[in-house]
Amino acid sequence: MQPASREPEGRRFRLERRIFFHHCDPAGIVFYPQYLVLLNEVQEAWFGGCLGVDYAALFTKRLLGVPTVRLECDFLAPSRLGDSLTLELAVERIGTKSLTIGYEYRGTDAGEVRARFRTVLVFTSLETHRAVPIPDDIQAGLRHWLATRDDSEE
């Protein structure tokens, strides 16, 4: 497993992952919910490694949640046991209380896009379970990773 790309390369965060047996269905291809587990892994690695946000502390100390309120999935080609994938994350939009993130999973051999995802995350108070503004420190980090800085919304 290779380390994550921590600097914005075209404003994309990249994480290498190998497909293991536990990711696969009996046909030996990735069982689609496992792609979502990988999505959460890349998101958590990006928060910690690039935004400087301790993901566990976000929940336990800051009492903030970042639930997914919208999820779009396109499965374009199968990934198989033993394959290596590059998981790419790009911030597409930053709002006051939410952000939109796009993901592409590529085979590392030929760069073929295997799957695309788009999520909308909303920052919430774990005390009230209501949406709250994105904290300033996180907002600053997000802007650094915004794919097109002019796409930002207030």
N, C-alpha and C. Protein backbone atom coordinates (compact mmCIF):
# COMPACT_ATOMS: atom_id res chain seq x y z
N MET A 1 0.85 -1.17 0.00
CA MET A 1 0.00 0.00 0.00
C MET A 1 0.89 1.24 0.00
N GLN A 2 0.65 2.12 -0.93
CA GLN A 2 1.44 3.34 -1.03
C GLN A 2 0.78 4.44 -0.20
N PRO A 3 1.58 5.40 0.26
CA PRO A 3 1.01 6.49 1.04
C PRO A 3 0.13 7.38 0.17
N ALA A 4 -0.65 8.18 0.83
CA ALA A 4 -1.54 9.11 0.15
C ALA A 4 -0.74 10.25 -0.45
N SER A 5 -1.29 10.83 -1.50
CA SER A 5 -0.76 12.06 -2.06
C SER A 5 -1.34 13.19 -1.24
N ARG A 6 -0.48 13.92 -0.50
CA ARG A 6 -0.96 14.92 0.44
C ARG A 6 -1.02 16.33 -0.14
N GLU A 7 -0.39 16.56 -1.25
CA GLU A 7 -0.43 17.87 -1.86
C GLU A 7 -1.44 17.88 -2.99
N PRO A 8 -2.13 19.00 -3.17
CA PRO A 8 -3.12 19.04 -4.24
C PRO A 8 -2.46 18.95 -5.61
N GLU A 9 -2.59 17.81 -6.23
CA GLU A 9 -2.11 17.58 -7.58
C GLU A 9 -3.32 17.77 -8.46
N GLY A 10 -3.45 18.93 -9.10
CA GLY A 10 -4.68 19.20 -9.81
C GLY A 10 -5.85 19.25 -8.85
N ARG A 11 -5.56 19.58 -7.58
CA ARG A 11 -6.55 19.70 -6.53
C ARG A 11 -7.24 18.36 -6.23
N ARG A 12 -6.54 17.27 -6.45
CA ARG A 12 -7.07 15.93 -6.16
C ARG A 12 -6.20 15.24 -5.12
N PHE A 13 -6.86 14.64 -4.15
CA PHE A 13 -6.18 13.81 -3.16
C PHE A 13 -6.24 12.37 -3.68
N ARG A 14 -5.11 11.67 -3.59
CA ARG A 14 -5.05 10.30 -4.10
C ARG A 14 -4.59 9.35 -3.01
N LEU A 15 -5.22 8.19 -3.00
CA LEU A 15 -4.90 7.14 -2.04
C LEU A 15 -4.90 5.81 -2.78
N GLU A 16 -3.82 5.06 -2.63
CA GLU A 16 -3.71 3.74 -3.28
C GLU A 16 -4.29 2.67 -2.36
N ARG A 17 -5.09 1.78 -2.94
CA ARG A 17 -5.65 0.66 -2.18
C ARG A 17 -5.62 -0.60 -3.04
N ARG A 18 -5.34 -1.71 -2.39
CA ARG A 18 -5.37 -3.01 -3.05
C ARG A 18 -6.71 -3.67 -2.72
N ILE A 19 -7.26 -4.38 -3.68
CA ILE A 19 -8.52 -5.10 -3.47
C ILE A 19 -8.21 -6.46 -2.86
N PHE A 20 -8.75 -6.66 -1.66
CA PHE A 20 -8.55 -7.91 -0.94
C PHE A 20 -9.80 -8.78 -1.02
N PHE A 21 -9.66 -10.00 -0.56
CA PHE A 21 -10.74 -10.97 -0.57
C PHE A 21 -12.00 -10.43 0.11
N HIS A 22 -11.83 -9.73 1.22
CA HIS A 22 -13.00 -9.24 1.96
C HIS A 22 -13.78 -8.16 1.21
N HIS A 23 -13.21 -7.60 0.16
CA HIS A 23 -13.92 -6.62 -0.66
C HIS A 23 -14.82 -7.27 -1.71
N CYS A 24 -14.65 -8.57 -1.95
CA CYS A 24 -15.22 -9.22 -3.13
C CYS A 24 -16.43 -10.09 -2.84
N ASP A 25 -17.25 -10.25 -3.88
CA ASP A 25 -18.38 -11.17 -3.83
C ASP A 25 -17.90 -12.53 -4.35
N PRO A 26 -18.77 -13.55 -4.38
CA PRO A 26 -18.33 -14.88 -4.83
C PRO A 26 -17.77 -14.92 -6.26
N ALA A 27 -18.10 -13.92 -7.08
CA ALA A 27 -17.56 -13.87 -8.45
C ALA A 27 -16.15 -13.31 -8.49
N GLY A 28 -15.63 -12.85 -7.34
CA GLY A 28 -14.27 -12.31 -7.29
C GLY A 28 -14.16 -10.86 -7.70
N ILE A 29 -15.30 -10.15 -7.79
CA ILE A 29 -15.26 -8.72 -8.10
C ILE A 29 -15.73 -7.95 -6.88
N VAL A 30 -15.38 -6.67 -6.83
CA VAL A 30 -15.73 -5.85 -5.67
C VAL A 30 -17.25 -5.82 -5.52
N PHE A 31 -17.71 -6.19 -4.33
CA PHE A 31 -19.11 -6.08 -3.96
C PHE A 31 -19.38 -4.60 -3.74
N TYR A 32 -20.32 -4.02 -4.45
CA TYR A 32 -20.46 -2.56 -4.54
C TYR A 32 -20.49 -1.84 -3.19
N PRO A 33 -21.09 -2.37 -2.10
CA PRO A 33 -21.03 -1.62 -0.84
C PRO A 33 -19.60 -1.43 -0.33
N GLN A 34 -18.70 -2.32 -0.73
CA GLN A 34 -17.30 -2.17 -0.29
C GLN A 34 -16.66 -0.93 -0.90
N TYR A 35 -17.12 -0.51 -2.09
CA TYR A 35 -16.64 0.74 -2.66
C TYR A 35 -16.97 1.91 -1.73
N LEU A 36 -18.10 1.84 -1.05
CA LEU A 36 -18.49 2.91 -0.14
C LEU A 36 -17.66 2.89 1.13
N VAL A 37 -17.26 1.72 1.57
CA VAL A 37 -16.34 1.62 2.70
C VAL A 37 -15.01 2.28 2.31
N LEU A 38 -14.53 2.02 1.09
CA LEU A 38 -13.30 2.64 0.61
C LEU A 38 -13.48 4.16 0.49
N LEU A 39 -14.67 4.60 0.10
CA LEU A 39 -14.95 6.02 0.00
C LEU A 39 -14.76 6.69 1.36
N ASN A 40 -15.28 6.06 2.39
CA ASN A 40 -15.13 6.62 3.73
C ASN A 40 -13.66 6.61 4.16
N GLU A 41 -12.91 5.58 3.78
CA GLU A 41 -11.48 5.53 4.12
C GLU A 41 -10.73 6.69 3.49
N VAL A 42 -10.98 6.95 2.21
CA VAL A 42 -10.25 8.03 1.54
C VAL A 42 -10.67 9.38 2.13
N GLN A 43 -11.95 9.52 2.46
CA GLN A 43 -12.43 10.77 3.08
C GLN A 43 -11.76 10.99 4.43
N GLU A 44 -11.69 9.95 5.25
CA GLU A 44 -11.08 10.06 6.57
C GLU A 44 -9.59 10.35 6.47
N ALA A 45 -8.90 9.69 5.53
CA ALA A 45 -7.47 9.93 5.33
C ALA A 45 -7.22 11.37 4.88
N TRP A 46 -8.08 11.88 4.02
CA TRP A 46 -7.96 13.25 3.53
C TRP A 46 -8.20 14.27 4.65
N PHE A 47 -9.23 14.06 5.45
CA PHE A 47 -9.48 14.96 6.58
C PHE A 47 -8.25 15.05 7.47
N GLY A 48 -7.69 13.90 7.83
CA GLY A 48 -6.56 13.88 8.76
C GLY A 48 -5.26 14.33 8.12
N GLY A 49 -4.97 13.82 6.94
CA GLY A 49 -3.68 14.09 6.30
C GLY A 49 -3.58 15.41 5.58
N CYS A 50 -4.70 15.95 5.12
CA CYS A 50 -4.65 17.16 4.31
C CYS A 50 -5.32 18.37 4.95
N LEU A 51 -6.39 18.12 5.68
CA LEU A 51 -7.08 19.23 6.35
C LEU A 51 -6.58 19.43 7.76
N GLY A 52 -5.78 18.48 8.25
CA GLY A 52 -5.27 18.58 9.62
C GLY A 52 -6.35 18.39 10.67
N VAL A 53 -7.40 17.67 10.30
CA VAL A 53 -8.53 17.44 11.21
C VAL A 53 -8.48 16.01 11.70
N ASP A 54 -8.30 15.85 13.00
CA ASP A 54 -8.35 14.52 13.61
C ASP A 54 -9.80 14.06 13.53
N TYR A 55 -10.05 13.06 12.69
CA TYR A 55 -11.43 12.62 12.41
C TYR A 55 -12.13 12.16 13.69
N ALA A 56 -11.42 11.40 14.52
CA ALA A 56 -12.02 10.93 15.77
C ALA A 56 -12.33 12.11 16.69
N ALA A 57 -11.42 13.06 16.79
CA ALA A 57 -11.63 14.23 17.65
C ALA A 57 -12.77 15.11 17.14
N LEU A 58 -12.98 15.11 15.83
CA LEU A 58 -14.08 15.87 15.26
C LEU A 58 -15.39 15.43 15.93
N PHE A 59 -15.54 14.12 16.09
CA PHE A 59 -16.75 13.58 16.69
C PHE A 59 -16.72 13.63 18.22
N THR A 60 -15.60 13.21 18.80
CA THR A 60 -15.55 13.03 20.25
C THR A 60 -15.27 14.30 21.04
N LYS A 61 -14.47 15.20 20.48
CA LYS A 61 -14.11 16.43 21.21
C LYS A 61 -14.87 17.66 20.70
N ARG A 62 -14.97 17.77 19.37
CA ARG A 62 -15.65 18.93 18.81
C ARG A 62 -17.16 18.71 18.68
N LEU A 63 -17.58 17.48 18.86
CA LEU A 63 -18.99 17.10 18.79
C LEU A 63 -19.64 17.53 17.48
N LEU A 64 -18.89 17.31 16.39
CA LEU A 64 -19.38 17.58 15.05
C LEU A 64 -19.48 16.28 14.27
N GLY A 65 -20.51 16.18 13.48
CA GLY A 65 -20.66 15.06 12.56
C GLY A 65 -20.59 15.57 11.14
N VAL A 66 -20.32 14.68 10.20
CA VAL A 66 -20.31 15.02 8.78
C VAL A 66 -21.06 13.93 8.00
N PRO A 67 -22.36 13.81 8.26
CA PRO A 67 -23.11 12.77 7.57
C PRO A 67 -23.23 13.04 6.07
N THR A 68 -23.31 11.96 5.33
CA THR A 68 -23.59 12.03 3.90
C THR A 68 -25.10 12.17 3.74
N VAL A 69 -25.52 13.25 3.07
CA VAL A 69 -26.94 13.46 2.86
C VAL A 69 -27.36 13.20 1.42
N ARG A 70 -26.38 13.07 0.54
CA ARG A 70 -26.65 12.73 -0.86
C ARG A 70 -25.50 11.89 -1.36
N LEU A 71 -25.82 10.87 -2.13
CA LEU A 71 -24.81 9.97 -2.67
C LEU A 71 -25.21 9.57 -4.08
N GLU A 72 -24.31 9.81 -5.03
CA GLU A 72 -24.51 9.38 -6.42
C GLU A 72 -23.41 8.39 -6.76
N CYS A 73 -23.78 7.31 -7.45
CA CYS A 73 -22.81 6.27 -7.78
C CYS A 73 -22.92 5.88 -9.25
N ASP A 74 -21.80 5.73 -9.89
CA ASP A 74 -21.73 5.17 -11.24
C ASP A 74 -20.66 4.09 -11.22
N PHE A 75 -21.07 2.87 -11.51
CA PHE A 75 -20.16 1.73 -11.56
C PHE A 75 -19.85 1.45 -13.02
N LEU A 76 -18.62 1.68 -13.44
CA LEU A 76 -18.28 1.69 -14.86
C LEU A 76 -17.56 0.43 -15.32
N ALA A 77 -16.78 -0.17 -14.46
CA ALA A 77 -16.02 -1.38 -14.82
C ALA A 77 -15.71 -2.14 -13.53
N PRO A 78 -15.63 -3.45 -13.61
CA PRO A 78 -15.38 -4.22 -12.38
C PRO A 78 -13.93 -4.09 -11.91
N SER A 79 -13.78 -4.18 -10.61
CA SER A 79 -12.46 -4.33 -9.99
C SER A 79 -12.43 -5.72 -9.39
N ARG A 80 -11.28 -6.38 -9.51
CA ARG A 80 -11.18 -7.77 -9.10
C ARG A 80 -10.18 -7.97 -7.97
N LEU A 81 -10.32 -9.09 -7.31
CA LEU A 81 -9.40 -9.51 -6.27
C LEU A 81 -7.96 -9.36 -6.77
N GLY A 82 -7.13 -8.68 -5.99
CA GLY A 82 -5.73 -8.48 -6.36
C GLY A 82 -5.45 -7.20 -7.11
N ASP A 83 -6.48 -6.54 -7.64
CA ASP A 83 -6.29 -5.27 -8.35
C ASP A 83 -5.80 -4.19 -7.38
N SER A 84 -5.12 -3.22 -7.92
CA SER A 84 -4.76 -2.01 -7.18
C SER A 84 -5.56 -0.87 -7.76
N LEU A 85 -6.07 -0.04 -6.88
CA LEU A 85 -6.86 1.12 -7.30
C LEU A 85 -6.26 2.40 -6.76
N THR A 86 -6.40 3.45 -7.53
CA THR A 86 -6.11 4.79 -7.06
C THR A 86 -7.46 5.43 -6.78
N LEU A 87 -7.67 5.81 -5.52
CA LEU A 87 -8.90 6.47 -5.12
C LEU A 87 -8.62 7.97 -5.12
N GLU A 88 -9.37 8.71 -5.92
CA GLU A 88 -9.15 10.15 -6.03
C GLU A 88 -10.34 10.90 -5.46
N LEU A 89 -10.04 11.97 -4.75
CA LEU A 89 -11.05 12.81 -4.12
C LEU A 89 -10.83 14.24 -4.59
N ALA A 90 -11.90 14.94 -4.95
CA ALA A 90 -11.82 16.35 -5.34
C ALA A 90 -13.00 17.11 -4.74
N VAL A 91 -12.71 18.23 -4.11
CA VAL A 91 -13.77 19.08 -3.57
C VAL A 91 -14.39 19.85 -4.74
N GLU A 92 -15.68 19.69 -4.91
CA GLU A 92 -16.37 20.34 -6.03
C GLU A 92 -17.09 21.62 -5.64
N ARG A 93 -17.59 21.68 -4.40
CA ARG A 93 -18.34 22.84 -3.96
C ARG A 93 -18.25 22.95 -2.45
N ILE A 94 -18.11 24.19 -1.98
CA ILE A 94 -18.13 24.46 -0.54
C ILE A 94 -19.26 25.43 -0.27
N GLY A 95 -20.16 25.02 0.60
CA GLY A 95 -21.24 25.90 1.02
C GLY A 95 -20.98 26.39 2.43
N THR A 96 -21.98 26.97 3.04
CA THR A 96 -21.85 27.46 4.40
C THR A 96 -21.85 26.31 5.40
N LYS A 97 -22.70 25.30 5.15
CA LYS A 97 -22.85 24.18 6.08
C LYS A 97 -22.55 22.83 5.42
N SER A 98 -22.32 22.82 4.12
CA SER A 98 -22.13 21.56 3.41
C SER A 98 -21.04 21.68 2.35
N LEU A 99 -20.62 20.53 1.87
CA LEU A 99 -19.67 20.50 0.77
C LEU A 99 -19.99 19.31 -0.12
N THR A 100 -19.61 19.43 -1.38
CA THR A 100 -19.78 18.36 -2.35
C THR A 100 -18.41 17.86 -2.74
N ILE A 101 -18.26 16.54 -2.68
CA ILE A 101 -16.99 15.90 -3.02
C ILE A 101 -17.23 14.91 -4.14
N GLY A 102 -16.34 14.93 -5.13
CA GLY A 102 -16.37 13.94 -6.21
C GLY A 102 -15.23 12.95 -6.02
N TYR A 103 -15.48 11.70 -6.37
CA TYR A 103 -14.49 10.63 -6.24
C TYR A 103 -14.40 9.88 -7.55
N GLU A 104 -13.20 9.46 -7.91
CA GLU A 104 -12.99 8.52 -9.01
C GLU A 104 -12.07 7.42 -8.53
N TYR A 105 -12.42 6.20 -8.86
CA TYR A 105 -11.58 5.04 -8.55
C TYR A 105 -11.02 4.56 -9.88
N ARG A 106 -9.70 4.53 -9.96
CA ARG A 106 -9.03 4.14 -11.20
C ARG A 106 -8.15 2.91 -10.97
N GLY A 107 -8.14 2.04 -11.97
CA GLY A 107 -7.19 0.94 -11.95
C GLY A 107 -5.81 1.52 -12.13
N THR A 108 -4.85 1.07 -11.33
CA THR A 108 -3.51 1.67 -11.42
C THR A 108 -2.75 1.18 -12.64
N ASP A 109 -3.20 0.09 -13.26
CA ASP A 109 -2.49 -0.42 -14.43
C ASP A 109 -2.68 0.48 -15.65
N ALA A 110 -3.91 0.72 -16.07
CA ALA A 110 -4.16 1.52 -17.27
C ALA A 110 -4.90 2.82 -16.96
N GLY A 111 -5.18 3.08 -15.69
CA GLY A 111 -5.87 4.30 -15.32
C GLY A 111 -7.35 4.29 -15.65
N GLU A 112 -7.89 3.11 -15.99
CA GLU A 112 -9.30 3.00 -16.33
C GLU A 112 -10.17 3.40 -15.14
N VAL A 113 -11.16 4.27 -15.38
CA VAL A 113 -12.08 4.66 -14.31
C VAL A 113 -13.03 3.49 -14.07
N ARG A 114 -13.02 2.99 -12.84
CA ARG A 114 -13.87 1.86 -12.47
C ARG A 114 -15.19 2.32 -11.86
N ALA A 115 -15.15 3.43 -11.13
CA ALA A 115 -16.36 3.93 -10.48
C ALA A 115 -16.22 5.42 -10.21
N ARG A 116 -17.36 6.10 -10.19
CA ARG A 116 -17.41 7.53 -9.83
C ARG A 116 -18.49 7.70 -8.77
N PHE A 117 -18.20 8.62 -7.85
CA PHE A 117 -19.15 8.91 -6.79
C PHE A 117 -19.19 10.41 -6.58
N ARG A 118 -20.30 10.87 -6.06
CA ARG A 118 -20.42 12.26 -5.62
C ARG A 118 -21.20 12.22 -4.31
N THR A 119 -20.67 12.91 -3.32
CA THR A 119 -21.36 12.98 -2.03
C THR A 119 -21.57 14.43 -1.64
N VAL A 120 -22.63 14.65 -0.90
CA VAL A 120 -22.84 15.93 -0.23
C VAL A 120 -22.78 15.61 1.26
N LEU A 121 -21.84 16.27 1.94
CA LEU A 121 -21.67 16.13 3.38
C LEU A 121 -22.18 17.40 4.05
N VAL A 122 -22.84 17.23 5.17
CA VAL A 122 -23.34 18.37 5.94
C VAL A 122 -22.71 18.31 7.33
N PHE A 123 -22.19 19.42 7.77
CA PHE A 123 -21.66 19.49 9.14
C PHE A 123 -22.83 19.64 10.09
N THR A 124 -22.83 18.82 11.14
CA THR A 124 -23.93 18.84 12.10
C THR A 124 -23.38 18.85 13.52
N SER A 125 -24.18 19.40 14.42
CA SER A 125 -23.90 19.32 15.84
C SER A 125 -24.35 17.95 16.31
N LEU A 126 -23.49 17.23 17.02
CA LEU A 126 -23.89 15.94 17.57
C LEU A 126 -24.77 16.10 18.80
N GLU A 127 -24.88 17.32 19.28
CA GLU A 127 -25.77 17.58 20.42
C GLU A 127 -27.20 17.84 19.95
N THR A 128 -27.35 18.62 18.87
CA THR A 128 -28.69 18.98 18.39
C THR A 128 -29.11 18.21 17.14
N HIS A 129 -28.14 17.62 16.46
CA HIS A 129 -28.35 16.91 15.19
C HIS A 129 -28.92 17.84 14.12
N ARG A 130 -28.55 19.09 14.21
CA ARG A 130 -28.92 20.09 13.21
C ARG A 130 -27.66 20.55 12.47
N ALA A 131 -27.86 21.01 11.25
CA ALA A 131 -26.75 21.53 10.45
C ALA A 131 -26.15 22.75 11.13
N VAL A 132 -24.82 22.85 11.04
CA VAL A 132 -24.09 24.00 11.60
C VAL A 132 -23.09 24.49 10.55
N PRO A 133 -22.67 25.74 10.67
CA PRO A 133 -21.67 26.24 9.72
C PRO A 133 -20.37 25.43 9.81
N ILE A 134 -19.71 25.29 8.67
CA ILE A 134 -18.41 24.62 8.63
C ILE A 134 -17.45 25.48 9.45
N PRO A 135 -16.75 24.91 10.43
CA PRO A 135 -15.81 25.69 11.23
C PRO A 135 -14.74 26.37 10.36
N ASP A 136 -14.31 27.55 10.80
CA ASP A 136 -13.37 28.35 10.02
C ASP A 136 -12.10 27.60 9.66
N ASP A 137 -11.52 26.83 10.60
CA ASP A 137 -10.28 26.12 10.32
C ASP A 137 -10.48 25.07 9.22
N ILE A 138 -11.62 24.42 9.23
CA ILE A 138 -11.91 23.41 8.22
C ILE A 138 -12.24 24.09 6.89
N GLN A 139 -12.98 25.18 6.94
CA GLN A 139 -13.32 25.95 5.75
C GLN A 139 -12.04 26.39 5.01
N ALA A 140 -11.03 26.85 5.76
CA ALA A 140 -9.77 27.28 5.15
C ALA A 140 -9.08 26.12 4.46
N GLY A 141 -9.05 24.98 5.11
CA GLY A 141 -8.45 23.80 4.50
C GLY A 141 -9.19 23.34 3.26
N LEU A 142 -10.50 23.40 3.30
CA LEU A 142 -11.32 23.00 2.16
C LEU A 142 -11.03 23.87 0.95
N ARG A 143 -10.93 25.17 1.17
CA ARG A 143 -10.69 26.09 0.06
C ARG A 143 -9.38 25.77 -0.67
N HIS A 144 -8.40 25.31 0.07
CA HIS A 144 -7.12 24.92 -0.53
C HIS A 144 -7.30 23.77 -1.52
N TRP A 145 -8.28 22.91 -1.28
CA TRP A 145 -8.50 21.73 -2.10
C TRP A 145 -9.62 21.89 -3.12
N LEU A 146 -10.26 23.04 -3.16
CA LEU A 146 -11.37 23.25 -4.08
C LEU A 146 -10.88 23.13 -5.52
N ALA A 147 -11.54 22.28 -6.29
CA ALA A 147 -11.13 22.01 -7.67
C ALA A 147 -11.12 23.28 -8.51
N THR A 148 -12.16 24.07 -8.41
CA THR A 148 -12.25 25.35 -9.11
C THR A 148 -12.67 26.37 -8.07
N ARG A 149 -11.76 27.21 -7.69
CA ARG A 149 -12.03 28.12 -6.58
C ARG A 149 -13.24 29.01 -6.81
N ASP A 150 -13.61 29.29 -8.05
CA ASP A 150 -14.77 30.14 -8.33
C ASP A 150 -16.10 29.43 -8.10
N ASP A 151 -16.09 28.11 -7.88
CA ASP A 151 -17.32 27.36 -7.66
C ASP A 151 -17.86 27.50 -6.25
N SER A 152 -17.12 28.15 -5.37
CA SER A 152 -17.51 28.27 -3.97
C SER A 152 -18.82 29.05 -3.84
N GLU A 153 -19.67 28.58 -2.92
CA GLU A 153 -20.92 29.25 -2.62
C GLU A 153 -20.96 29.63 -1.16
N GLU A 154 -21.63 30.66 -0.85
CA GLU A 154 -21.81 31.07 0.54
C GLU A 154 -23.11 30.58 1.08
